[in-house]
Amino acid sequence: MRELVPALANDAERLTAMGAAASDLIPRDADDKLARIIAEVAR
């Protein structure tokens, strides 16, 4: 990690590519879904 993170932080092109790839993996509405689940359980 000590070697990977600084190298990645200093490589804008690689960081952009990794961010774009990750954005397809993470649901955009995960926070809303979690809030709905919590609200329903709390009832």
PDB file of N, CA and C in Angstrom:
ATOM      1  N   MET A   1       0.818  -1.186   0.000  1.00  0.00           N
ATOM      2  CA  MET A   1       0.000   0.000   0.000  1.00  0.00           C
ATOM      3  C   MET A   1       0.865   1.255   0.000  1.00  0.00           C
ATOM      4  N   ARG A   2       1.930   1.230   0.750  1.00  0.00           N
ATOM      5  CA  ARG A   2       2.787   2.420   0.837  1.00  0.00           C
ATOM      6  C   ARG A   2       3.349   2.802  -0.523  1.00  0.00           C
ATOM      7  N   GLU A   3       3.542   1.816  -1.368  1.00  0.00           N
ATOM      8  CA  GLU A   3       4.094   2.087  -2.689  1.00  0.00           C
ATOM      9  C   GLU A   3       2.995   2.348  -3.711  1.00  0.00           C
ATOM     10  N   LEU A   4       1.870   1.656  -3.578  1.00  0.00           N
ATOM     11  CA  LEU A   4       0.803   1.751  -4.567  1.00  0.00           C
ATOM     12  C   LEU A   4       0.053   3.076  -4.502  1.00  0.00           C
ATOM     13  N   VAL A   5      -0.327   3.486  -3.311  1.00  0.00           N
ATOM     14  CA  VAL A   5      -1.176   4.681  -3.175  1.00  0.00           C
ATOM     15  C   VAL A   5      -0.488   5.950  -3.672  1.00  0.00           C
ATOM     16  N   PRO A   6       0.730   6.255  -3.221  1.00  0.00           N
ATOM     17  CA  PRO A   6       1.364   7.474  -3.749  1.00  0.00           C
ATOM     18  C   PRO A   6       1.573   7.434  -5.262  1.00  0.00           C
ATOM     19  N   ALA A   7       1.934   6.266  -5.782  1.00  0.00           N
ATOM     20  CA  ALA A   7       2.134   6.151  -7.232  1.00  0.00           C
ATOM     21  C   ALA A   7       0.823   6.377  -7.974  1.00  0.00           C
ATOM     22  N   LEU A   8      -0.242   5.839  -7.446  1.00  0.00           N
ATOM     23  CA  LEU A   8      -1.550   6.008  -8.068  1.00  0.00           C
ATOM     24  C   LEU A   8      -2.010   7.464  -7.965  1.00  0.00           C
ATOM     25  N   ALA A   9      -1.803   8.066  -6.822  1.00  0.00           N
ATOM     26  CA  ALA A   9      -2.229   9.454  -6.614  1.00  0.00           C
ATOM     27  C   ALA A   9      -1.491  10.412  -7.550  1.00  0.00           C
ATOM     28  N   ASN A  10      -0.301  10.044  -7.953  1.00  0.00           N
ATOM     29  CA  ASN A  10       0.490  10.900  -8.845  1.00  0.00           C
ATOM     30  C   ASN A  10       0.318  10.556 -10.317  1.00  0.00           C
ATOM     31  N   ASP A  11      -0.563   9.607 -10.628  1.00  0.00           N
ATOM     32  CA  ASP A  11      -0.787   9.197 -12.012  1.00  0.00           C
ATOM     33  C   ASP A  11      -2.255   9.468 -12.367  1.00  0.00           C
ATOM     34  N   ALA A  12      -2.525  10.697 -12.802  1.00  0.00           N
ATOM     35  CA  ALA A  12      -3.902  11.137 -13.050  1.00  0.00           C
ATOM     36  C   ALA A  12      -4.611  10.266 -14.080  1.00  0.00           C
ATOM     37  N   GLU A  13      -3.907   9.852 -15.109  1.00  0.00           N
ATOM     38  CA  GLU A  13      -4.526   9.029 -16.156  1.00  0.00           C
ATOM     39  C   GLU A  13      -4.959   7.667 -15.603  1.00  0.00           C
ATOM     40  N   ARG A  14      -4.084   7.060 -14.849  1.00  0.00           N
ATOM     41  CA  ARG A  14      -4.398   5.754 -14.246  1.00  0.00           C
ATOM     42  C   ARG A  14      -5.521   5.882 -13.212  1.00  0.00           C
ATOM     43  N   LEU A  15      -5.473   6.924 -12.404  1.00  0.00           N
ATOM     44  CA  LEU A  15      -6.501   7.151 -11.397  1.00  0.00           C
ATOM     45  C   LEU A  15      -7.862   7.377 -12.049  1.00  0.00           C
ATOM     46  N   THR A  16      -7.896   8.128 -13.138  1.00  0.00           N
ATOM     47  CA  THR A  16      -9.137   8.361 -13.879  1.00  0.00           C
ATOM     48  C   THR A  16      -9.678   7.060 -14.454  1.00  0.00           C
ATOM     49  N   ALA A  17      -8.791   6.249 -15.024  1.00  0.00           N
ATOM     50  CA  ALA A  17      -9.212   4.967 -15.603  1.00  0.00           C
ATOM     51  C   ALA A  17      -9.759   4.033 -14.525  1.00  0.00           C
ATOM     52  N   MET A  18      -9.107   3.985 -13.386  1.00  0.00           N
ATOM     53  CA  MET A  18      -9.576   3.123 -12.296  1.00  0.00           C
ATOM     54  C   MET A  18     -10.918   3.617 -11.756  1.00  0.00           C
ATOM     55  N   GLY A  19     -11.076   4.925 -11.643  1.00  0.00           N
ATOM     56  CA  GLY A  19     -12.344   5.487 -11.180  1.00  0.00           C
ATOM     57  C   GLY A  19     -13.474   5.170 -12.129  1.00  0.00           C
ATOM     58  N   ALA A  20     -13.218   5.284 -13.423  1.00  0.00           N
ATOM     59  CA  ALA A  20     -14.244   4.973 -14.422  1.00  0.00           C
ATOM     60  C   ALA A  20     -14.623   3.496 -14.374  1.00  0.00           C
ATOM     61  N   ALA A  21     -13.640   2.633 -14.214  1.00  0.00           N
ATOM     62  CA  ALA A  21     -13.918   1.199 -14.135  1.00  0.00           C
ATOM     63  C   ALA A  21     -14.716   0.869 -12.877  1.00  0.00           C
ATOM     64  N   ALA A  22     -14.381   1.485 -11.776  1.00  0.00           N
ATOM     65  CA  ALA A  22     -15.078   1.229 -10.513  1.00  0.00           C
ATOM     66  C   ALA A  22     -16.501   1.767 -10.536  1.00  0.00           C
ATOM     67  N   SER A  23     -16.728   2.839 -11.257  1.00  0.00           N
ATOM     68  CA  SER A  23     -18.063   3.440 -11.262  1.00  0.00           C
ATOM     69  C   SER A  23     -19.110   2.507 -11.869  1.00  0.00           C
ATOM     70  N   ASP A  24     -18.677   1.598 -12.728  1.00  0.00           N
ATOM     71  CA  ASP A  24     -19.605   0.630 -13.315  1.00  0.00           C
ATOM     72  C   ASP A  24     -19.928  -0.513 -12.348  1.00  0.00           C
ATOM     73  N   LEU A  25     -19.148  -0.645 -11.292  1.00  0.00           N
ATOM     74  CA  LEU A  25     -19.325  -1.740 -10.351  1.00  0.00           C
ATOM     75  C   LEU A  25     -20.180  -1.360  -9.142  1.00  0.00           C
ATOM     76  N   ILE A  26     -20.241  -0.077  -8.845  1.00  0.00           N
ATOM     77  CA  ILE A  26     -20.910   0.385  -7.631  1.00  0.00           C
ATOM     78  C   ILE A  26     -22.287   0.954  -7.978  1.00  0.00           C
ATOM     79  N   PRO A  27     -23.331   0.394  -7.358  1.00  0.00           N
ATOM     80  CA  PRO A  27     -24.672   0.941  -7.618  1.00  0.00           C
ATOM     81  C   PRO A  27     -24.746   2.404  -7.179  1.00  0.00           C
ATOM     82  N   ARG A  28     -25.288   3.240  -8.017  1.00  0.00           N
ATOM     83  CA  ARG A  28     -25.375   4.672  -7.728  1.00  0.00           C
ATOM     84  C   ARG A  28     -26.387   4.986  -6.634  1.00  0.00           C
ATOM     85  N   ASP A  29     -27.348   4.110  -6.437  1.00  0.00           N
ATOM     86  CA  ASP A  29     -28.398   4.382  -5.454  1.00  0.00           C
ATOM     87  C   ASP A  29     -28.269   3.506  -4.213  1.00  0.00           C
ATOM     88  N   ALA A  30     -27.082   3.006  -3.941  1.00  0.00           N
ATOM     89  CA  ALA A  30     -26.884   2.111  -2.802  1.00  0.00           C
ATOM     90  C   ALA A  30     -27.252   2.789  -1.488  1.00  0.00           C
ATOM     91  N   ASP A  31     -26.951   4.083  -1.347  1.00  0.00           N
ATOM     92  CA  ASP A  31     -27.280   4.773  -0.106  1.00  0.00           C
ATOM     93  C   ASP A  31     -28.786   4.881   0.091  1.00  0.00           C
ATOM     94  N   ASP A  32     -29.515   5.124  -0.993  1.00  0.00           N
ATOM     95  CA  ASP A  32     -30.979   5.199  -0.898  1.00  0.00           C
ATOM     96  C   ASP A  32     -31.575   3.840  -0.553  1.00  0.00           C
ATOM     97  N   LYS A  33     -31.056   2.789  -1.156  1.00  0.00           N
ATOM     98  CA  LYS A  33     -31.549   1.442  -0.862  1.00  0.00           C
ATOM     99  C   LYS A  33     -31.298   1.086   0.599  1.00  0.00           C
ATOM    100  N   LEU A  34     -30.113   1.404   1.094  1.00  0.00           N
ATOM    101  CA  LEU A  34     -29.792   1.110   2.485  1.00  0.00           C
ATOM    102  C   LEU A  34     -30.704   1.896   3.426  1.00  0.00           C
ATOM    103  N   ALA A  35     -30.960   3.146   3.118  1.00  0.00           N
ATOM    104  CA  ALA A  35     -31.850   3.957   3.954  1.00  0.00           C
ATOM    105  C   ALA A  35     -33.257   3.364   3.973  1.00  0.00           C
ATOM    106  N   ARG A  36     -33.743   2.889   2.835  1.00  0.00           N
ATOM    107  CA  ARG A  36     -35.080   2.268   2.791  1.00  0.00           C
ATOM    108  C   ARG A  36     -35.124   0.984   3.637  1.00  0.00           C
ATOM    109  N   ILE A  37     -34.083   0.186   3.541  1.00  0.00           N
ATOM    110  CA  ILE A  37     -34.022  -1.050   4.316  1.00  0.00           C
ATOM    111  C   ILE A  37     -34.048  -0.728   5.813  1.00  0.00           C
ATOM    112  N   ILE A  38     -33.252   0.234   6.230  1.00  0.00           N
ATOM    113  CA  ILE A  38     -33.200   0.606   7.642  1.00  0.00           C
ATOM    114  C   ILE A  38     -34.544   1.147   8.107  1.00  0.00           C
ATOM    115  N   ALA A  39     -35.172   1.982   7.291  1.00  0.00           N
ATOM    116  CA  ALA A  39     -36.474   2.545   7.668  1.00  0.00           C
ATOM    117  C   ALA A  39     -37.525   1.438   7.803  1.00  0.00           C
ATOM    118  N   GLU A  40     -37.499   0.467   6.919  1.00  0.00           N
ATOM    119  CA  GLU A  40     -38.476  -0.618   6.995  1.00  0.00           C
ATOM    120  C   GLU A  40     -38.239  -1.516   8.200  1.00  0.00           C
ATOM    121  N   VAL A  41     -36.986  -1.770   8.528  1.00  0.00           N
ATOM    122  CA  VAL A  41     -36.671  -2.601   9.690  1.00  0.00           C
ATOM    123  C   VAL A  41     -37.069  -1.887  10.979  1.00  0.00           C
ATOM    124  N   ALA A  42     -36.917  -0.579  11.001  1.00  0.00           N
ATOM    125  CA  ALA A  42     -37.220   0.202  12.187  1.00  0.00           C
ATOM    126  C   ALA A  42     -38.734   0.265  12.486  1.00  0.00           C
ATOM    127  N   ARG A  43     -39.542  -0.004  11.493  1.00  0.00           N
ATOM    128  CA  ARG A  43     -41.003   0.085  11.687  1.00  0.00           C
ATOM    129  C   ARG A  43     -41.517  -0.996  12.514  1.00  0.00           C
TER     130      ARG A  43
END
